[in-house]
């Protein structure tokens, strides 16, 4: 009897750990599959811009997608970004970003993904970060932020270059905030 109880207990422990390990493995496999898909979506998005394929580029963004550019004034809502971008795409020359490092993070419910990447661009190294969400069961870019990577030892020089423009923009934006209140 004791021997049977012991064997039953050991079998229960074995089954528990087997199921737990399988669940962890399944979650990891699922996350890896999502990450592979996200890599394809973001790479295709960058490729569409490099090839000036307007329709392909914007088909990979949500209808309410946002693109934040490197200039402080560039907070593009989707329709405005389409209007701004169209002439570049029509000329056959948009922009060319090639990711050489990307980190992808998957939400627990697997419906939201966020990422950051280092890019080789016409502006040299830039950093992009974004959020993708499922829209009609397809991954779409909902929000993207592009920034120029500045080496820490060069920040003072860059700040000096942009001081005047930044001061004007801050003053202009502050006046708008005061008028709203």
N, C-alpha and C. Protein backbone atom coordinates (compact mmCIF):
# COMPACT_ATOMS: atom_id res chain seq x y z
N UNK A 1 0.82 -1.19 0.00
CA UNK A 1 0.00 0.00 0.00
C UNK A 1 0.86 1.25 0.00
N UNK A 2 1.85 1.30 0.89
CA UNK A 2 2.75 2.45 0.97
C UNK A 2 3.52 2.56 -0.34
N UNK A 3 3.93 1.41 -0.86
CA UNK A 3 4.67 1.41 -2.12
C UNK A 3 3.81 1.97 -3.26
N UNK A 4 2.53 1.59 -3.30
CA UNK A 4 1.62 2.10 -4.32
C UNK A 4 1.38 3.59 -4.16
N UNK A 5 1.23 4.06 -2.94
CA UNK A 5 1.04 5.49 -2.67
C UNK A 5 2.26 6.28 -3.11
N UNK A 6 3.42 5.73 -2.81
CA UNK A 6 4.67 6.41 -3.20
C UNK A 6 4.75 6.50 -4.73
N UNK A 7 4.46 5.39 -5.41
CA UNK A 7 4.51 5.38 -6.87
C UNK A 7 3.49 6.34 -7.46
N UNK A 8 2.30 6.38 -6.89
CA UNK A 8 1.26 7.29 -7.34
C UNK A 8 1.69 8.75 -7.14
N UNK A 9 2.30 9.04 -6.01
CA UNK A 9 2.80 10.40 -5.73
C UNK A 9 3.88 10.78 -6.73
N UNK A 10 4.81 9.87 -6.97
CA UNK A 10 5.90 10.16 -7.91
C UNK A 10 5.35 10.36 -9.33
N UNK A 11 4.37 9.57 -9.71
CA UNK A 11 3.74 9.72 -11.01
C UNK A 11 3.05 11.08 -11.13
N UNK A 12 2.37 11.49 -10.07
CA UNK A 12 1.69 12.79 -10.06
C UNK A 12 2.69 13.93 -10.21
N UNK A 13 3.81 13.84 -9.48
CA UNK A 13 4.86 14.87 -9.57
C UNK A 13 5.42 14.91 -11.00
N UNK A 14 5.70 13.75 -11.56
CA UNK A 14 6.22 13.66 -12.91
C UNK A 14 5.26 14.29 -13.92
N UNK A 15 3.99 13.96 -13.82
CA UNK A 15 2.97 14.51 -14.73
C UNK A 15 2.88 16.02 -14.57
N UNK A 16 2.89 16.51 -13.32
CA UNK A 16 2.81 17.95 -13.07
C UNK A 16 3.97 18.67 -13.74
N UNK A 17 5.19 18.20 -13.51
CA UNK A 17 6.35 18.88 -14.08
C UNK A 17 6.42 18.72 -15.60
N UNK A 18 5.96 17.61 -16.12
CA UNK A 18 5.92 17.43 -17.57
C UNK A 18 4.97 18.42 -18.22
N UNK A 19 3.80 18.59 -17.61
CA UNK A 19 2.82 19.55 -18.14
C UNK A 19 3.33 20.97 -18.02
N UNK A 20 3.95 21.30 -16.89
CA UNK A 20 4.49 22.65 -16.68
C UNK A 20 5.59 22.94 -17.70
N UNK A 21 6.49 21.99 -17.91
CA UNK A 21 7.57 22.19 -18.86
C UNK A 21 7.02 22.35 -20.27
N UNK A 22 6.00 21.57 -20.59
CA UNK A 22 5.40 21.66 -21.93
C UNK A 22 4.76 23.03 -22.13
N UNK A 23 4.09 23.54 -21.08
CA UNK A 23 3.45 24.86 -21.16
C UNK A 23 4.51 25.94 -21.38
N UNK A 24 5.61 25.91 -20.63
CA UNK A 24 6.69 26.89 -20.78
C UNK A 24 7.27 26.80 -22.18
N UNK A 25 7.51 25.59 -22.66
CA UNK A 25 8.05 25.40 -24.00
C UNK A 25 7.09 25.93 -25.06
N UNK A 26 5.79 25.68 -24.88
CA UNK A 26 4.78 26.15 -25.83
C UNK A 26 4.73 27.67 -25.86
N UNK A 27 4.79 28.31 -24.68
CA UNK A 27 4.78 29.78 -24.59
C UNK A 27 6.01 30.34 -25.28
N UNK A 28 7.18 29.75 -25.02
CA UNK A 28 8.41 30.23 -25.65
C UNK A 28 8.34 30.08 -27.17
N UNK A 29 7.82 28.94 -27.62
CA UNK A 29 7.69 28.72 -29.06
C UNK A 29 6.72 29.72 -29.68
N UNK A 30 5.63 29.98 -28.98
CA UNK A 30 4.65 30.94 -29.45
C UNK A 30 5.26 32.34 -29.54
N UNK A 31 5.99 32.74 -28.50
CA UNK A 31 6.65 34.05 -28.50
C UNK A 31 7.68 34.14 -29.63
N UNK A 32 8.42 33.08 -29.86
CA UNK A 32 9.41 33.08 -30.94
C UNK A 32 8.73 33.21 -32.30
N UNK A 33 7.61 32.54 -32.47
CA UNK A 33 6.87 32.66 -33.74
C UNK A 33 6.38 34.09 -33.93
N UNK A 34 5.87 34.70 -32.87
CA UNK A 34 5.41 36.10 -32.95
C UNK A 34 6.58 37.00 -33.28
N UNK A 35 7.71 36.81 -32.62
CA UNK A 35 8.89 37.65 -32.88
C UNK A 35 9.37 37.51 -34.32
N UNK A 36 9.34 36.30 -34.85
CA UNK A 36 9.71 36.10 -36.26
C UNK A 36 8.77 36.87 -37.19
N UNK A 37 7.49 36.82 -36.88
CA UNK A 37 6.50 37.55 -37.68
C UNK A 37 6.74 39.05 -37.58
N UNK A 38 6.99 39.54 -36.37
CA UNK A 38 7.23 40.97 -36.17
C UNK A 38 8.46 41.41 -36.95
N UNK A 39 9.52 40.63 -36.90
CA UNK A 39 10.72 40.95 -37.67
C UNK A 39 10.38 41.09 -39.15
N UNK A 40 9.58 40.19 -39.68
CA UNK A 40 9.18 40.25 -41.09
C UNK A 40 8.36 41.50 -41.38
N UNK A 41 7.41 41.81 -40.50
CA UNK A 41 6.56 42.98 -40.72
C UNK A 41 7.40 44.26 -40.73
N UNK A 42 8.24 44.44 -39.72
CA UNK A 42 9.03 45.67 -39.63
C UNK A 42 10.05 45.74 -40.77
N UNK A 43 10.70 44.62 -41.07
CA UNK A 43 11.63 44.60 -42.22
C UNK A 43 10.90 44.94 -43.53
N UNK A 44 9.72 44.39 -43.72
CA UNK A 44 8.93 44.69 -44.94
C UNK A 44 8.52 46.16 -44.98
N UNK A 45 8.22 46.72 -43.83
CA UNK A 45 7.84 48.14 -43.74
C UNK A 45 9.02 49.01 -44.18
N UNK A 46 10.20 48.72 -43.62
CA UNK A 46 11.40 49.48 -44.02
C UNK A 46 11.71 49.26 -45.51
N UNK A 47 11.54 48.04 -45.99
CA UNK A 47 11.80 47.73 -47.40
C UNK A 47 10.85 48.50 -48.30
N UNK A 48 9.59 48.59 -47.91
CA UNK A 48 8.60 49.32 -48.71
C UNK A 48 9.00 50.79 -48.83
N UNK A 49 9.52 51.38 -47.77
CA UNK A 49 9.98 52.78 -47.85
C UNK A 49 11.18 52.88 -48.78
N UNK A 50 12.14 51.98 -48.63
CA UNK A 50 13.34 52.01 -49.47
C UNK A 50 13.00 51.84 -50.94
N UNK A 51 11.96 51.07 -51.23
CA UNK A 51 11.54 50.84 -52.62
C UNK A 51 10.46 51.83 -53.05
N UNK A 52 10.13 52.79 -52.19
CA UNK A 52 9.11 53.80 -52.46
C UNK A 52 7.77 53.17 -52.83
N UNK A 53 7.40 52.13 -52.08
CA UNK A 53 6.13 51.44 -52.30
C UNK A 53 5.13 51.95 -51.27
N UNK A 54 4.47 53.03 -51.64
CA UNK A 54 3.54 53.75 -50.75
C UNK A 54 2.45 52.83 -50.19
N UNK A 55 1.78 52.10 -51.06
CA UNK A 55 0.67 51.25 -50.61
C UNK A 55 1.15 50.17 -49.64
N UNK A 56 2.25 49.52 -49.96
CA UNK A 56 2.78 48.47 -49.07
C UNK A 56 3.19 49.07 -47.73
N UNK A 57 3.82 50.24 -47.78
CA UNK A 57 4.29 50.89 -46.54
C UNK A 57 3.11 51.19 -45.61
N UNK A 58 2.10 51.85 -46.13
CA UNK A 58 0.99 52.26 -45.26
C UNK A 58 0.03 51.11 -44.95
N UNK A 59 0.08 50.04 -45.73
CA UNK A 59 -0.75 48.87 -45.40
C UNK A 59 -0.24 48.16 -44.15
N UNK A 60 1.00 48.44 -43.77
CA UNK A 60 1.59 47.80 -42.59
C UNK A 60 1.42 48.65 -41.33
N UNK A 61 0.70 49.77 -41.46
CA UNK A 61 0.40 50.61 -40.30
C UNK A 61 -1.10 50.54 -40.00
N UNK A 62 -1.43 50.76 -38.73
CA UNK A 62 -2.85 50.82 -38.36
C UNK A 62 -3.45 52.09 -38.94
N UNK A 63 -4.75 52.11 -39.03
CA UNK A 63 -5.45 53.29 -39.57
C UNK A 63 -5.21 54.53 -38.70
N UNK A 64 -4.99 54.31 -37.41
CA UNK A 64 -4.73 55.43 -36.50
C UNK A 64 -3.25 55.49 -36.11
N UNK A 65 -2.38 54.93 -36.97
CA UNK A 65 -0.95 54.88 -36.68
C UNK A 65 -0.33 56.25 -36.53
N UNK A 66 0.78 56.28 -35.80
CA UNK A 66 1.51 57.52 -35.53
C UNK A 66 2.98 57.30 -35.88
N UNK A 67 3.58 58.30 -36.52
CA UNK A 67 5.02 58.27 -36.81
C UNK A 67 5.63 59.53 -36.20
N UNK A 68 6.55 59.34 -35.27
CA UNK A 68 7.26 60.47 -34.64
C UNK A 68 8.63 60.54 -35.32
N UNK A 69 8.89 61.65 -36.00
CA UNK A 69 10.16 61.82 -36.71
C UNK A 69 11.24 62.43 -35.84
N UNK A 70 12.38 62.68 -36.46
CA UNK A 70 13.53 63.20 -35.72
C UNK A 70 13.41 64.68 -35.37
N UNK A 71 12.64 65.42 -36.12
CA UNK A 71 12.43 66.84 -35.83
C UNK A 71 11.38 66.98 -34.73
N UNK A 72 11.57 67.91 -33.84
CA UNK A 72 10.64 68.10 -32.71
C UNK A 72 9.22 68.40 -33.16
N UNK A 73 9.05 68.85 -34.39
CA UNK A 73 7.70 69.17 -34.88
C UNK A 73 7.02 67.98 -35.53
N UNK A 74 7.73 66.87 -35.67
CA UNK A 74 7.19 65.72 -36.40
C UNK A 74 6.48 64.73 -35.49
N UNK A 75 5.20 64.96 -35.32
CA UNK A 75 4.31 64.03 -34.62
C UNK A 75 3.18 63.79 -35.61
N UNK A 76 3.40 62.82 -36.50
CA UNK A 76 2.52 62.60 -37.63
C UNK A 76 1.43 61.59 -37.31
N UNK A 77 0.19 62.03 -37.34
CA UNK A 77 -0.94 61.11 -37.31
C UNK A 77 -1.05 60.52 -38.71
N UNK A 78 -1.62 59.36 -38.84
CA UNK A 78 -1.55 58.59 -40.07
C UNK A 78 -1.91 59.37 -41.33
N UNK A 79 -3.06 60.00 -41.38
CA UNK A 79 -3.47 60.70 -42.61
C UNK A 79 -2.52 61.84 -42.95
N UNK A 80 -2.08 62.59 -41.95
CA UNK A 80 -1.12 63.67 -42.19
C UNK A 80 0.22 63.11 -42.66
N UNK A 81 0.63 61.99 -42.10
CA UNK A 81 1.89 61.36 -42.50
C UNK A 81 1.80 60.86 -43.94
N UNK A 82 0.65 60.33 -44.32
CA UNK A 82 0.46 59.89 -45.71
C UNK A 82 0.60 61.08 -46.66
N UNK A 83 -0.04 62.18 -46.31
CA UNK A 83 0.02 63.38 -47.15
C UNK A 83 1.44 63.90 -47.25
N UNK A 84 2.14 63.98 -46.13
CA UNK A 84 3.53 64.44 -46.11
C UNK A 84 4.43 63.51 -46.95
N UNK A 85 4.23 62.21 -46.80
CA UNK A 85 5.12 61.22 -47.42
C UNK A 85 4.87 61.01 -48.91
N UNK A 86 3.66 61.22 -49.35
CA UNK A 86 3.27 60.89 -50.73
C UNK A 86 4.23 61.46 -51.78
N UNK A 87 4.61 62.73 -51.73
CA UNK A 87 5.52 63.25 -52.76
C UNK A 87 6.87 62.51 -52.80
N UNK A 88 7.37 62.09 -51.64
CA UNK A 88 8.64 61.35 -51.61
C UNK A 88 8.48 59.99 -52.28
N UNK A 89 7.40 59.31 -51.95
CA UNK A 89 7.14 58.01 -52.57
C UNK A 89 6.90 58.17 -54.07
N UNK A 90 6.17 59.22 -54.47
CA UNK A 90 5.87 59.44 -55.88
C UNK A 90 7.15 59.70 -56.69
N UNK A 91 8.15 60.31 -56.07
CA UNK A 91 9.42 60.57 -56.76
C UNK A 91 10.28 59.31 -56.83
N UNK A 92 9.82 58.24 -56.18
CA UNK A 92 10.58 56.99 -56.21
C UNK A 92 11.71 56.95 -55.21
N UNK A 93 11.69 57.91 -54.26
CA UNK A 93 12.78 57.97 -53.29
C UNK A 93 12.22 58.41 -51.94
N UNK A 94 11.92 57.44 -51.09
CA UNK A 94 11.45 57.78 -49.75
C UNK A 94 12.67 57.78 -48.84
N UNK A 95 12.81 56.80 -47.97
CA UNK A 95 13.97 56.72 -47.07
C UNK A 95 14.38 55.27 -46.94
N UNK A 96 15.61 55.09 -46.52
CA UNK A 96 16.14 53.73 -46.44
C UNK A 96 16.69 53.47 -45.04
N UNK A 97 16.00 52.62 -44.30
CA UNK A 97 16.41 52.24 -42.95
C UNK A 97 16.67 50.74 -42.94
N UNK A 98 17.83 50.34 -42.48
CA UNK A 98 18.15 48.92 -42.35
C UNK A 98 18.47 48.64 -40.90
N UNK A 99 17.70 47.77 -40.30
CA UNK A 99 17.91 47.42 -38.90
C UNK A 99 19.12 46.49 -38.78
N UNK A 100 20.00 46.80 -37.83
CA UNK A 100 21.11 45.88 -37.56
C UNK A 100 21.07 45.36 -36.13
N UNK A 101 20.09 45.81 -35.38
CA UNK A 101 19.84 45.24 -34.04
C UNK A 101 18.39 45.53 -33.68
N UNK A 102 17.69 44.51 -33.20
CA UNK A 102 16.29 44.71 -32.83
C UNK A 102 15.96 43.85 -31.61
N UNK A 103 15.26 44.44 -30.66
CA UNK A 103 14.75 43.74 -29.48
C UNK A 103 13.24 43.79 -29.53
N UNK A 104 12.60 42.65 -29.33
CA UNK A 104 11.14 42.55 -29.44
C UNK A 104 10.59 41.99 -28.14
N UNK A 105 9.50 42.58 -27.68
CA UNK A 105 8.85 42.18 -26.43
C UNK A 105 7.38 41.92 -26.71
N UNK A 106 6.86 40.82 -26.16
CA UNK A 106 5.50 40.37 -26.43
C UNK A 106 4.67 40.47 -25.15
N UNK A 107 3.48 41.08 -25.25
CA UNK A 107 2.60 41.17 -24.08
C UNK A 107 2.09 39.78 -23.70
N UNK A 108 1.65 39.66 -22.46
CA UNK A 108 1.16 38.37 -21.97
C UNK A 108 0.00 37.84 -22.81
N UNK A 109 -0.89 38.75 -23.23
CA UNK A 109 -2.04 38.28 -24.02
C UNK A 109 -1.70 38.10 -25.51
N UNK A 110 -0.47 38.43 -25.88
CA UNK A 110 0.06 38.24 -27.24
C UNK A 110 -0.66 39.06 -28.31
N UNK A 111 -1.24 40.18 -27.91
CA UNK A 111 -1.92 41.06 -28.86
C UNK A 111 -1.21 42.38 -29.08
N UNK A 112 -0.20 42.65 -28.26
CA UNK A 112 0.59 43.88 -28.37
C UNK A 112 2.06 43.48 -28.32
N UNK A 113 2.85 44.11 -29.17
CA UNK A 113 4.28 43.88 -29.20
C UNK A 113 4.96 45.25 -29.26
N UNK A 114 6.06 45.40 -28.57
CA UNK A 114 6.84 46.63 -28.68
C UNK A 114 8.28 46.23 -28.97
N UNK A 115 9.00 47.16 -29.60
CA UNK A 115 10.36 46.83 -30.01
C UNK A 115 11.21 48.09 -30.04
N UNK A 116 12.51 47.88 -30.04
CA UNK A 116 13.46 48.96 -30.30
C UNK A 116 14.48 48.40 -31.27
N UNK A 117 15.06 49.29 -32.05
CA UNK A 117 16.03 48.85 -33.05
C UNK A 117 17.06 49.93 -33.31
N UNK A 118 18.25 49.49 -33.71
CA UNK A 118 19.27 50.39 -34.22
C UNK A 118 19.24 50.27 -35.73
N UNK A 119 19.34 51.41 -36.40
CA UNK A 119 19.17 51.47 -37.85
C UNK A 119 20.37 52.11 -38.54
N UNK A 120 20.71 51.60 -39.69
CA UNK A 120 21.64 52.25 -40.59
C UNK A 120 20.77 53.06 -41.55
N UNK A 121 20.95 54.38 -41.56
CA UNK A 121 20.12 55.26 -42.38
C UNK A 121 20.97 56.29 -43.10
N UNK A 122 20.33 57.11 -43.92
CA UNK A 122 21.03 58.22 -44.57
C UNK A 122 21.50 59.25 -43.54
N UNK A 123 20.96 59.18 -42.31
CA UNK A 123 21.38 60.07 -41.22
C UNK A 123 22.38 59.37 -40.31
N UNK A 124 22.95 58.27 -40.80
CA UNK A 124 23.85 57.37 -40.07
C UNK A 124 23.03 56.61 -39.03
N UNK A 125 23.60 56.29 -37.86
CA UNK A 125 22.87 55.44 -36.92
C UNK A 125 21.71 56.20 -36.28
N UNK A 126 20.55 55.59 -36.36
CA UNK A 126 19.35 56.10 -35.71
C UNK A 126 18.77 55.00 -34.83
N UNK A 127 17.89 55.39 -33.94
CA UNK A 127 17.17 54.42 -33.12
C UNK A 127 15.69 54.54 -33.45
N UNK A 128 15.08 53.41 -33.65
CA UNK A 128 13.64 53.36 -33.85
C UNK A 128 13.03 52.55 -32.73
N UNK A 129 11.82 52.91 -32.36
CA UNK A 129 11.08 52.09 -31.40
C UNK A 129 9.62 52.15 -31.82
N UNK A 130 8.92 51.07 -31.54
CA UNK A 130 7.55 51.04 -32.01
C UNK A 130 6.68 50.06 -31.25
N UNK A 131 5.41 50.16 -31.57
CA UNK A 131 4.39 49.28 -31.00
C UNK A 131 3.60 48.71 -32.17
N UNK A 132 3.38 47.41 -32.13
CA UNK A 132 2.52 46.76 -33.10
C UNK A 132 1.35 46.14 -32.36
N UNK A 133 0.21 46.12 -33.04
CA UNK A 133 -0.95 45.46 -32.46
C UNK A 133 -1.65 44.68 -33.57
N UNK A 134 -2.44 43.73 -33.13
CA UNK A 134 -3.19 42.95 -34.11
C UNK A 134 -4.41 43.73 -34.54
N UNK A 135 -4.58 43.84 -35.85
CA UNK A 135 -5.73 44.50 -36.44
C UNK A 135 -6.25 43.56 -37.52
N UNK A 136 -7.46 43.07 -37.35
CA UNK A 136 -8.01 42.08 -38.27
C UNK A 136 -7.08 40.86 -38.41
N UNK A 137 -6.55 40.45 -37.27
CA UNK A 137 -5.68 39.27 -37.16
C UNK A 137 -4.34 39.42 -37.89
N UNK A 138 -3.95 40.65 -38.20
CA UNK A 138 -2.65 40.93 -38.81
C UNK A 138 -1.89 41.91 -37.92
N UNK A 139 -0.58 41.73 -37.83
CA UNK A 139 0.24 42.66 -37.06
C UNK A 139 0.44 43.94 -37.85
N UNK A 140 0.15 45.08 -37.20
CA UNK A 140 0.30 46.39 -37.84
C UNK A 140 1.06 47.32 -36.89
N UNK A 141 1.80 48.23 -37.48
CA UNK A 141 2.54 49.21 -36.70
C UNK A 141 1.58 50.31 -36.29
N UNK A 142 1.44 50.49 -34.98
CA UNK A 142 0.52 51.49 -34.44
C UNK A 142 1.25 52.78 -34.06
N UNK A 143 2.53 52.65 -33.73
CA UNK A 143 3.27 53.82 -33.25
C UNK A 143 4.75 53.57 -33.52
N UNK A 144 5.42 54.55 -34.11
CA UNK A 144 6.85 54.42 -34.38
C UNK A 144 7.54 55.73 -34.05
N UNK A 145 8.68 55.62 -33.39
CA UNK A 145 9.47 56.80 -33.02
C UNK A 145 10.87 56.63 -33.59
N UNK A 146 11.32 57.62 -34.34
CA UNK A 146 12.66 57.61 -34.93
C UNK A 146 13.48 58.71 -34.26
N UNK A 147 14.68 58.38 -33.83
CA UNK A 147 15.56 59.40 -33.25
C UNK A 147 16.98 59.19 -33.76
N UNK A 148 17.68 60.28 -33.86
CA UNK A 148 19.08 60.22 -34.29
C UNK A 148 19.92 59.89 -33.06
N UNK A 149 20.76 58.88 -33.20
CA UNK A 149 21.63 58.48 -32.09
C UNK A 149 22.82 59.44 -32.04
N UNK A 150 23.01 60.05 -30.89
CA UNK A 150 24.10 61.02 -30.71
C UNK A 150 25.03 60.47 -29.64
N UNK A 151 26.31 60.31 -29.97
CA UNK A 151 27.27 59.84 -28.95
C UNK A 151 27.29 60.81 -27.76
N UNK A 152 27.34 60.26 -26.57
CA UNK A 152 27.30 61.09 -25.36
C UNK A 152 28.36 62.18 -25.36
N UNK A 153 29.54 61.87 -25.88
CA UNK A 153 30.61 62.88 -25.86
C UNK A 153 30.39 63.98 -26.89
N UNK A 154 29.35 63.87 -27.72
CA UNK A 154 29.05 64.90 -28.72
C UNK A 154 27.78 65.69 -28.41
N UNK A 155 27.12 65.36 -27.31
CA UNK A 155 25.84 65.99 -26.97
C UNK A 155 25.97 67.50 -26.83
N UNK A 156 27.00 67.99 -26.16
CA UNK A 156 27.15 69.44 -25.98
C UNK A 156 27.22 70.17 -27.31
N UNK A 157 27.94 69.62 -28.27
CA UNK A 157 28.04 70.24 -29.60
C UNK A 157 26.69 70.25 -30.30
N UNK A 158 25.95 69.15 -30.19
CA UNK A 158 24.64 69.07 -30.84
C UNK A 158 23.66 70.04 -30.18
N UNK A 159 23.69 70.11 -28.86
CA UNK A 159 22.81 71.04 -28.14
C UNK A 159 23.10 72.47 -28.57
N UNK A 160 24.37 72.81 -28.72
CA UNK A 160 24.73 74.16 -29.17
C UNK A 160 24.18 74.43 -30.58
N UNK A 161 24.22 73.43 -31.45
CA UNK A 161 23.71 73.59 -32.81
C UNK A 161 22.20 73.82 -32.84
N UNK A 162 21.49 73.21 -31.92
CA UNK A 162 20.03 73.29 -31.97
C UNK A 162 19.41 74.24 -30.96
N UNK A 163 20.22 74.86 -30.15
CA UNK A 163 19.73 75.74 -29.09
C UNK A 163 18.75 76.81 -29.58
N UNK A 164 19.08 77.50 -30.63
CA UNK A 164 18.24 78.58 -31.14
C UNK A 164 16.88 78.05 -31.61
N UNK A 165 16.90 77.02 -32.45
CA UNK A 165 15.64 76.43 -32.94
C UNK A 165 14.79 75.90 -31.80
N UNK A 166 15.42 75.21 -30.85
CA UNK A 166 14.69 74.64 -29.73
C UNK A 166 14.05 75.74 -28.88
N UNK A 167 14.79 76.81 -28.65
CA UNK A 167 14.24 77.92 -27.84
C UNK A 167 13.01 78.52 -28.51
N UNK A 168 13.08 78.70 -29.83
CA UNK A 168 11.92 79.24 -30.55
C UNK A 168 10.72 78.31 -30.46
N UNK A 169 10.95 77.01 -30.62
CA UNK A 169 9.87 76.04 -30.57
C UNK A 169 9.26 75.97 -29.16
N UNK A 170 10.11 75.99 -28.16
CA UNK A 170 9.60 75.96 -26.77
C UNK A 170 8.75 77.19 -26.50
N UNK A 171 9.20 78.35 -26.93
CA UNK A 171 8.44 79.58 -26.73
C UNK A 171 7.10 79.49 -27.47
N UNK A 172 7.14 79.06 -28.70
CA UNK A 172 5.93 78.93 -29.52
C UNK A 172 4.94 77.96 -28.87
N UNK A 173 5.41 76.80 -28.43
CA UNK A 173 4.54 75.80 -27.80
C UNK A 173 4.02 76.30 -26.45
N UNK A 174 4.84 77.01 -25.70
CA UNK A 174 4.41 77.54 -24.40
C UNK A 174 3.29 78.54 -24.57
N UNK A 175 3.36 79.37 -25.60
CA UNK A 175 2.32 80.35 -25.87
C UNK A 175 1.01 79.62 -26.18
N UNK A 176 1.06 78.55 -26.96
CA UNK A 176 -0.14 77.77 -27.28
C UNK A 176 -0.75 77.17 -26.02
N UNK A 177 0.08 76.67 -25.10
CA UNK A 177 -0.42 76.09 -23.86
C UNK A 177 -1.10 77.16 -23.02
N UNK A 178 -0.51 78.32 -22.93
CA UNK A 178 -1.10 79.42 -22.15
C UNK A 178 -2.44 79.82 -22.74
N UNK A 179 -2.53 79.92 -24.08
CA UNK A 179 -3.78 80.29 -24.72
C UNK A 179 -4.87 79.25 -24.49
N UNK A 180 -4.51 77.97 -24.43
CA UNK A 180 -5.49 76.91 -24.17
C UNK A 180 -6.06 77.02 -22.77
N UNK A 181 -5.23 77.39 -21.82
CA UNK A 181 -5.69 77.48 -20.43
C UNK A 181 -6.46 78.75 -20.24
